[in-house]
Amino acid sequence: MSSQTPGTTIDLGAGLLLTALALVWGGSFFFAEIALREVPPLTITLFRVALALPVLFLVVRLKGIALPRGLRIWGAYLGMGALNNAIPFSLIFWGQTQIESGLASILNGTTAMFGAVVAGLLLKDEPLTPQKLIGAALGFVGVAVIMGPAALTSLDPRNLAQIAVLAAAFSYALASVWGKSFLAGQPPLMNALGMVAGSTVLMLPVALFSDGMPRFDLSLPVWGALLGIAVLSTALAYLMYFEILRRAGSANLMLVTLLIPPVAVALGAGLLGEQLGREAMLGFVIIGLGLVVTDGRLPRAVLGKRQGLR
């Protein structure tokens, strides 16, 4: 066991959890691609949160966590459910009707850069440092490489889909600020349950109005994909997320952003026959470099070694 304090290093257990989290979150893009064969995007979002809700409720009850009673906290959960689930899930699923699951996951990798910028602008205790600005700039360069110059001259459905996924990443960034501002004093698992409950309440009328009553005569692969995206990529993912946060801290948790796209690209290529161009792969490398700069530990380690050699 490491002698360093918990919450600052990645031990074997945290590393395995981080890998597993990347698998279930990367798998969400694969599951969505399967579900979209028979289910419209907004209804997939509804299934994702509604089916995850009883699983998280059971875990919260088993842990003995009391449900909050104030209207204010449940209002905060509605906001969190909108920003962290309802809006981004719907945008990503719609985006996947036009672009490959691997490409959607790569574009979603800009969440960390958006988060650093948004937090720097809106939170006093997370200043917008030059390091974060450089990381964000690299992220946007990566996006520009992926989308190409044609995105500036023509708004075809594929370009709009990529913009939708980027908007989802921005919504995730706003959610992180919302959670820190309004939910910091609540138990993390209760926050997960409240957020999923809030998004279920929001998505029910939206999906019914947009898509009508959900179909239940779906094929077994589609039902498997819906259960996978709800139970594995949502409920189980949140349980692992908070356990990694406890063991290794938020900075180490951000590393999952680098692991998700390779998982999604591999699943899309191996099981769905998707192929991404060189621009997408180069863009991912640049976005990954932006994440490394935003995280800051690797640059600090390199500078520390150089100073030590002097």
Protein backbone atom coordinates (compact mmCIF):
# COMPACT_ATOMS: atom_id res chain seq x y z
CA MET A 1 0.00 0.00 0.00
CA SER A 2 1.25 3.49 -0.80
CA SER A 3 2.41 5.63 2.07
CA GLN A 4 0.99 8.73 0.44
CA THR A 5 -2.32 10.12 1.59
CA PRO A 6 -5.54 8.76 0.06
CA GLY A 7 -7.09 11.00 -2.55
CA THR A 8 -3.79 12.06 -4.15
CA THR A 9 -2.39 8.92 -5.82
CA ILE A 10 -3.69 6.09 -7.98
CA ASP A 11 -3.18 2.74 -6.27
CA LEU A 12 -3.92 -0.58 -7.97
CA GLY A 13 -7.57 -0.57 -6.87
CA ALA A 14 -8.16 2.98 -8.07
CA GLY A 15 -6.37 2.22 -11.34
CA LEU A 16 -8.59 -0.79 -12.00
CA LEU A 17 -11.69 1.27 -11.18
CA LEU A 18 -10.49 4.05 -13.50
CA THR A 19 -10.06 1.53 -16.33
CA ALA A 20 -13.48 0.02 -15.61
CA LEU A 21 -15.07 3.48 -15.59
CA ALA A 22 -13.51 4.24 -18.98
CA LEU A 23 -14.94 0.96 -20.29
CA VAL A 24 -18.51 1.61 -19.12
CA TRP A 25 -18.49 5.27 -20.13
CA GLY A 26 -16.80 4.51 -23.44
CA GLY A 27 -19.34 1.72 -23.88
CA SER A 28 -22.18 4.23 -23.60
CA PHE A 29 -21.42 5.48 -27.13
CA PHE A 30 -21.50 1.89 -28.39
CA PHE A 31 -24.75 1.11 -26.57
CA ALA A 32 -26.33 4.28 -27.95
CA GLU A 33 -25.37 3.31 -31.50
CA ILE A 34 -27.23 0.00 -31.07
CA ALA A 35 -30.27 1.59 -29.39
CA LEU A 36 -30.61 4.25 -32.10
CA ARG A 37 -31.56 1.51 -34.56
CA GLU A 38 -35.04 1.36 -33.03
CA VAL A 39 -35.34 4.16 -30.45
CA PRO A 40 -35.21 7.95 -31.04
CA PRO A 41 -32.56 10.00 -29.17
CA LEU A 42 -34.78 11.69 -26.56
CA THR A 43 -36.44 8.41 -25.63
CA ILE A 44 -33.00 6.80 -25.21
CA THR A 45 -32.17 9.59 -22.74
CA LEU A 46 -35.40 8.87 -20.87
CA PHE A 47 -34.64 5.13 -20.72
CA ARG A 48 -31.07 5.82 -19.61
CA VAL A 49 -32.01 7.87 -16.55
CA ALA A 50 -35.32 6.16 -15.70
CA LEU A 51 -33.79 2.67 -15.66
CA ALA A 52 -30.78 3.87 -13.65
CA LEU A 53 -33.01 5.52 -11.04
CA PRO A 54 -34.16 2.39 -9.12
CA VAL A 55 -30.60 1.02 -9.03
CA LEU A 56 -29.21 4.20 -7.46
CA PHE A 57 -32.21 4.45 -5.11
CA LEU A 58 -31.53 0.94 -3.84
CA VAL A 59 -27.84 1.73 -3.24
CA VAL A 60 -28.68 4.93 -1.36
CA ARG A 61 -31.18 3.10 0.85
CA LEU A 62 -28.71 0.27 1.54
CA LYS A 63 -26.09 2.84 2.53
CA GLY A 64 -28.58 4.39 4.96
CA ILE A 65 -28.41 7.82 3.34
CA ALA A 66 -31.45 9.95 4.18
CA LEU A 67 -33.38 11.60 1.37
CA PRO A 68 -33.40 15.41 1.65
CA ARG A 69 -36.77 17.07 2.21
CA GLY A 70 -36.23 20.71 1.24
CA LEU A 71 -37.65 22.02 -2.04
CA ARG A 72 -34.49 24.06 -2.59
CA ILE A 73 -32.22 21.02 -2.77
CA TRP A 74 -34.58 19.21 -5.11
CA GLY A 75 -34.64 22.31 -7.30
CA ALA A 76 -30.85 22.11 -7.38
CA TYR A 77 -31.14 18.44 -8.41
CA LEU A 78 -33.44 19.46 -11.27
CA GLY A 79 -30.81 21.92 -12.48
CA MET A 80 -28.06 19.33 -12.15
CA GLY A 81 -30.19 16.74 -13.92
CA ALA A 82 -30.73 19.13 -16.82
CA LEU A 83 -27.08 20.17 -17.19
CA ASN A 84 -25.39 16.85 -16.50
CA ASN A 85 -27.88 14.37 -17.95
CA ALA A 86 -30.93 15.55 -19.87
CA ILE A 87 -29.26 18.12 -22.13
CA PRO A 88 -25.91 16.43 -22.85
CA PHE A 89 -27.29 12.90 -23.21
CA SER A 90 -29.92 14.11 -25.69
CA LEU A 91 -27.42 16.16 -27.71
CA ILE A 92 -24.89 13.30 -27.88
CA PHE A 93 -27.52 10.72 -28.86
CA TRP A 94 -28.85 13.01 -31.59
CA GLY A 95 -25.29 13.66 -32.73
CA GLN A 96 -24.74 9.94 -33.04
CA THR A 97 -27.51 9.76 -35.63
CA GLN A 98 -25.11 11.61 -37.96
CA ILE A 99 -21.57 10.77 -36.80
CA GLU A 100 -19.67 7.71 -35.58
CA SER A 101 -19.69 6.76 -31.91
CA GLY A 102 -15.89 7.04 -31.73
CA LEU A 103 -15.91 10.55 -33.14
CA ALA A 104 -18.63 11.58 -30.67
CA SER A 105 -16.49 10.30 -27.79
CA ILE A 106 -13.45 12.23 -29.02
CA LEU A 107 -15.40 15.48 -29.25
CA ASN A 108 -16.87 14.78 -25.82
CA GLY A 109 -13.28 14.69 -24.56
CA THR A 110 -13.27 18.51 -24.63
CA THR A 111 -15.35 18.48 -21.44
CA ALA A 112 -12.29 18.90 -19.22
CA MET A 113 -11.10 21.97 -21.14
CA PHE A 114 -14.56 23.54 -21.13
CA GLY A 115 -14.74 22.75 -17.42
CA ALA A 116 -11.44 24.49 -16.66
CA VAL A 117 -12.50 27.62 -18.55
CA VAL A 118 -16.04 27.78 -17.16
CA ALA A 119 -14.84 27.17 -13.60
CA GLY A 120 -12.15 29.81 -14.02
CA LEU A 121 -14.73 32.36 -15.12
CA LEU A 122 -17.45 31.51 -12.59
CA LEU A 123 -15.68 30.16 -9.48
CA LYS A 124 -13.38 32.33 -7.38
CA ASP A 125 -11.39 29.39 -5.96
CA GLU A 126 -10.52 27.95 -9.41
CA PRO A 127 -8.72 30.79 -11.24
CA LEU A 128 -8.22 30.68 -14.98
CA THR A 129 -4.46 30.17 -15.16
CA PRO A 130 -2.29 30.43 -18.30
CA GLN A 131 -1.84 26.66 -18.09
CA LYS A 132 -5.62 26.12 -18.33
CA LEU A 133 -5.90 28.60 -21.20
CA ILE A 134 -3.16 26.79 -23.14
CA GLY A 135 -4.87 23.45 -22.51
CA ALA A 136 -8.21 24.85 -23.69
CA ALA A 137 -6.59 26.35 -26.79
CA LEU A 138 -5.06 22.97 -27.67
CA GLY A 139 -8.47 21.35 -27.19
CA PHE A 140 -10.07 23.76 -29.63
CA VAL A 141 -7.27 23.22 -32.14
CA GLY A 142 -7.97 19.49 -31.90
CA VAL A 143 -11.65 20.12 -32.58
CA ALA A 144 -10.77 22.34 -35.57
CA VAL A 145 -8.57 19.58 -37.01
CA ILE A 146 -11.40 17.06 -36.64
CA MET A 147 -14.10 19.24 -38.18
CA GLY A 148 -11.90 20.65 -40.96
CA PRO A 149 -12.19 23.94 -42.87
CA ALA A 150 -15.45 22.88 -44.54
CA ALA A 151 -17.24 23.32 -41.21
CA LEU A 152 -16.81 27.08 -41.59
CA THR A 153 -18.47 27.22 -44.98
CA SER A 154 -21.23 24.59 -44.83
CA LEU A 155 -23.57 23.49 -42.06
CA ASP A 156 -24.47 19.98 -43.14
CA PRO A 157 -26.04 17.51 -40.66
CA ARG A 158 -22.64 15.99 -39.87
CA ASN A 159 -21.21 19.37 -38.85
CA LEU A 160 -24.31 20.15 -36.79
CA ALA A 161 -23.95 16.79 -35.06
CA GLN A 162 -20.37 17.58 -34.09
CA ILE A 163 -21.48 20.98 -32.76
CA ALA A 164 -24.22 19.22 -30.76
CA VAL A 165 -21.65 16.96 -29.07
CA LEU A 166 -19.47 19.98 -28.29
CA ALA A 167 -22.52 21.72 -26.80
CA ALA A 168 -23.03 18.61 -24.65
CA ALA A 169 -19.44 18.91 -23.41
CA PHE A 170 -20.10 22.56 -22.53
CA SER A 171 -23.25 21.53 -20.64
CA TYR A 172 -21.17 19.04 -18.63
CA ALA A 173 -18.79 21.87 -17.78
CA LEU A 174 -21.65 24.04 -16.54
CA ALA A 175 -22.90 21.10 -14.49
CA SER A 176 -19.60 20.86 -12.62
CA VAL A 177 -19.91 24.49 -11.57
CA TRP A 178 -23.58 24.01 -10.66
CA GLY A 179 -22.76 21.00 -8.52
CA LYS A 180 -19.96 22.76 -6.69
CA SER A 181 -22.13 25.83 -6.10
CA PHE A 182 -25.37 24.16 -4.95
CA LEU A 183 -24.66 20.54 -4.00
CA ALA A 184 -21.29 20.58 -2.26
CA GLY A 185 -22.75 19.81 1.17
CA GLN A 186 -24.75 16.74 0.13
CA PRO A 187 -23.59 13.07 0.16
CA PRO A 188 -22.12 12.25 -3.28
CA LEU A 189 -24.34 9.20 -3.82
CA MET A 190 -27.40 11.24 -2.93
CA ASN A 191 -26.29 13.80 -5.49
CA ALA A 192 -26.14 11.05 -8.11
CA LEU A 193 -29.62 9.82 -7.18
CA GLY A 194 -31.09 13.32 -7.02
CA MET A 195 -29.56 14.26 -10.35
CA VAL A 196 -30.93 11.14 -12.08
CA ALA A 197 -34.34 11.68 -10.46
CA GLY A 198 -34.35 15.29 -11.65
CA SER A 199 -33.41 14.35 -15.20
CA THR A 200 -36.09 11.64 -15.26
CA VAL A 201 -38.74 14.18 -14.26
CA LEU A 202 -37.50 16.55 -16.96
CA MET A 203 -37.18 13.98 -19.74
CA LEU A 204 -40.54 12.26 -19.26
CA PRO A 205 -42.71 15.08 -20.70
CA VAL A 206 -40.07 16.09 -23.26
CA ALA A 207 -39.68 12.56 -24.67
CA LEU A 208 -43.45 11.93 -24.65
CA PHE A 209 -44.11 15.20 -26.47
CA SER A 210 -41.33 14.68 -29.01
CA ASP A 211 -41.44 10.93 -29.64
CA GLY A 212 -44.78 9.77 -28.22
CA MET A 213 -45.18 6.74 -25.97
CA PRO A 214 -42.03 4.62 -25.84
CA ARG A 215 -42.09 1.34 -27.71
CA PHE A 216 -41.59 -1.81 -25.68
CA ASP A 217 -41.63 -4.31 -28.57
CA LEU A 218 -37.92 -3.81 -29.12
CA SER A 219 -35.40 -6.41 -30.22
CA LEU A 220 -33.22 -8.13 -27.63
CA PRO A 221 -30.02 -6.34 -28.76
CA VAL A 222 -31.71 -2.97 -28.35
CA TRP A 223 -33.09 -3.88 -24.92
CA GLY A 224 -29.62 -5.07 -23.98
CA ALA A 225 -28.15 -1.76 -25.15
CA LEU A 226 -30.73 0.26 -23.17
CA LEU A 227 -30.07 -1.76 -20.02
CA GLY A 228 -26.33 -1.48 -20.59
CA ILE A 229 -26.41 2.28 -20.99
CA ALA A 230 -28.64 2.68 -17.91
CA VAL A 231 -27.29 0.13 -15.46
CA LEU A 232 -23.63 -0.02 -16.52
CA SER A 233 -22.89 3.36 -18.12
CA THR A 234 -25.00 5.39 -15.68
CA ALA A 235 -25.78 3.75 -12.33
CA LEU A 236 -22.61 1.63 -12.00
CA ALA A 237 -20.52 4.40 -13.56
CA TYR A 238 -21.61 6.90 -10.89
CA LEU A 239 -20.81 4.42 -8.12
CA MET A 240 -17.30 3.92 -9.53
CA TYR A 241 -16.93 7.63 -10.16
CA PHE A 242 -17.43 8.56 -6.52
CA GLU A 243 -15.26 5.70 -5.29
CA ILE A 244 -12.38 6.87 -7.51
CA LEU A 245 -12.98 10.41 -6.32
CA ARG A 246 -12.63 9.21 -2.72
CA ARG A 247 -9.54 7.11 -3.39
CA ALA A 248 -7.60 9.17 -5.89
CA GLY A 249 -9.04 12.69 -5.99
CA SER A 250 -10.60 14.79 -8.74
CA ALA A 251 -7.34 15.45 -10.62
CA ASN A 252 -6.68 11.74 -11.08
CA LEU A 253 -10.34 11.15 -11.94
CA MET A 254 -9.97 13.52 -14.89
CA LEU A 255 -7.61 10.97 -16.50
CA VAL A 256 -10.68 8.94 -17.46
CA THR A 257 -11.33 11.58 -20.14
CA LEU A 258 -8.21 10.36 -21.94
CA LEU A 259 -9.26 6.71 -21.71
CA ILE A 260 -12.87 6.95 -22.93
CA PRO A 261 -12.25 7.79 -26.62
CA PRO A 262 -9.90 4.82 -27.29
CA VAL A 263 -12.50 2.50 -25.74
CA ALA A 264 -15.32 3.96 -27.82
CA VAL A 265 -13.23 3.96 -31.01
CA ALA A 266 -12.17 0.33 -30.45
CA LEU A 267 -15.76 -0.80 -29.79
CA GLY A 268 -17.05 1.11 -32.79
CA ALA A 269 -14.38 -0.32 -35.09
CA GLY A 270 -14.45 -3.88 -33.76
CA LEU A 271 -18.20 -4.39 -33.32
CA LEU A 272 -19.87 -1.81 -35.55
CA GLY A 273 -17.38 -1.59 -38.40
CA GLU A 274 -16.86 2.17 -37.93
CA GLN A 275 -13.72 3.73 -39.37
CA LEU A 276 -12.40 7.14 -38.38
CA GLY A 277 -10.20 9.24 -40.62
CA ARG A 278 -6.71 10.45 -39.80
CA GLU A 279 -8.08 13.89 -38.98
CA ALA A 280 -10.14 12.44 -36.13
CA MET A 281 -7.19 10.54 -34.70
CA LEU A 282 -4.86 13.55 -34.98
CA GLY A 283 -7.54 15.70 -33.36
CA PHE A 284 -7.77 13.24 -30.47
CA VAL A 285 -4.00 13.41 -29.94
CA ILE A 286 -4.15 17.22 -29.80
CA ILE A 287 -7.16 17.17 -27.46
CA GLY A 288 -5.33 14.63 -25.28
CA LEU A 289 -2.31 16.93 -25.14
CA GLY A 290 -4.64 19.73 -24.08
CA LEU A 291 -5.96 17.55 -21.27
CA VAL A 292 -2.42 16.78 -20.11
CA VAL A 293 -1.56 20.50 -20.06
CA THR A 294 -4.82 21.36 -18.27
CA ASP A 295 -4.13 18.67 -15.65
CA GLY A 296 -0.68 20.14 -15.15
CA ARG A 297 1.07 17.28 -13.39
CA LEU A 298 3.11 16.01 -16.34
CA PRO A 299 4.45 19.50 -17.26
CA ARG A 300 5.32 20.10 -13.60
CA ALA A 301 7.09 16.75 -13.39
CA VAL A 302 9.14 17.52 -16.53
CA LEU A 303 10.08 20.98 -15.27
CA GLY A 304 10.95 19.54 -11.86
CA LYS A 305 13.31 17.00 -13.41
CA ARG A 306 14.98 19.66 -15.51
CA GLN A 307 15.52 21.88 -12.49
CA GLY A 308 16.88 18.90 -10.58
CA LEU A 309 19.48 18.29 -13.29
CA ARG A 310 20.82 21.80 -13.08
